[in-house]
Amino acid sequence: MTERVVLAYSGGLDTSVAIGWIAEETGAEVIAVAVDVGQGGEDLDVIRKRALACGAVEAEVADAKDEFADEYCLPAIKANALYMDRYPLVSALSRPTIVKHLVAAARKHGATTVAHGCTGKGNDQVRFEAGISSLAPDLKCIAPVRDYAMTRDKAIAFCEAKSLPIATTKKSPYSIDQNVFGRAVETGFLEDIWNAPIEDVYEYTSNPATQRDADEVIITFKDGVPVAIDGQPVTVLQAIQQLNERAGAQGIGRIDMVEDRLVGIKSREIYEAPGAIALITAHQELENVTVERELARYKRQVEQRWSELVYDGLWFSPLKRALDGFITEANQHVTGEIRMTLHGGRAVVTGRKSEQSLYDFNLATYDTGDTFDQSLSKGFIELFGMSSKIAAKRDLEQ
């Protein structure tokens, strides 16, 4: 029986060439699987037909936009997930979504191997292969670019020699990955970290320096889930899409950073994530109102670790699953409304409202009606500082 390989297929040159390349290198039949996570571009049916025309024995396409938003972006919003305190895990979140569809296709078609188009120096190879091994330890993984030295020049030559129905136009100077949660841009002149990004790099966001009127938005959450924008009910996908438009129009969500890759190198990345940044900003502020202090302090530690696990490709790991339970519990009172002004590249919170609020006006006010018993503070401070005071006395006597 001929072996079968499931290929993560984008419809572009590299993965189109990989269909025939894998067949020649391994003798296996190739099943192409394309997953729509909101990256835009060509129609899924066009992509499916191209895969078949390039030699795939089967081709599957999946509209996974709602799945991606509900099962991957939403947990990141609840976790206020920002790798290195800045990056909202745009690409890292889409990989486990795609992995689930690749594994399902491998099972359906009796494949023994899963292939992807990643290089040997990026994070995505780890995210694909660690995810696949977690869901299906018996499946093998191959990466033609990494394992068979499938360079772009070789890919173009292969494409032309086989007369594949794919354009071999001049490559963009950038490497771009995008989905509904954001857009990642790297390589080209950006690899010199002294070079400032130019406006041509950006697609999801307008120039924040351009004069325009501010946009005020009210985001409603229930148990940490965005459920309405300006009072109109939305799905998670719709919340992200609408805020991509509105926050993006104000230049919000641009990130230029040098990040620590999992493989040990530092990499300069440009990100655009207007909807993600707006939602996380609003969610963080609603937590400030509704989450008890000690829980909030500990959750910030969990958020950092959760973000690192997802960035490192360990979405399906036992620790990540356990932390998911904690984050869900911590969000049980994160219900209410946040009002924000979107303007000049910033999402600024201007109002908060919640029936689950822990903010007590009568305790907080300095005016008439103050119910805070200030006479208790003197004794509290004495006890609170007692251990440090005793240690200080000892140290001064030595």
Foldseek 3Di string as FASTA:
>chain_A
DAAEEEEAFDLALQSLLVQVVCCVVPVHAYEYEYEAQAQDDDDPVVSQVLSVLSRHPHYYYYDCNLVLLPVQLLLLLLLLADAVNHHSCFPLRVQLVSLVVSLVVCVVVVHQEYEYADAPQALSVQLNVVSNCLVPVRHHYDHCVHPVVCDLVNSVVSCVVVVRPHDSDDDDQWDWDGGLQKIKIFHHPVQPVVDDDDPVRDDLADQLVDDDDKDKWKFWDALSATQDINPHGDRSSVQSNVQSNRLRDNQAAWDWDFDQGPSGDTGTMIMRGRSSVLSSVQLVVLLVFQADDVLVVVSNVLSNVLNVCSRNNNCVPPVNVVSSVSSSVRSNQSGWMWMWIRHSHDTHTDDTDGPNTPDDCLCPDPDPSNPPDCVVVVVVVCVVCVVVVVVVVVVVVD
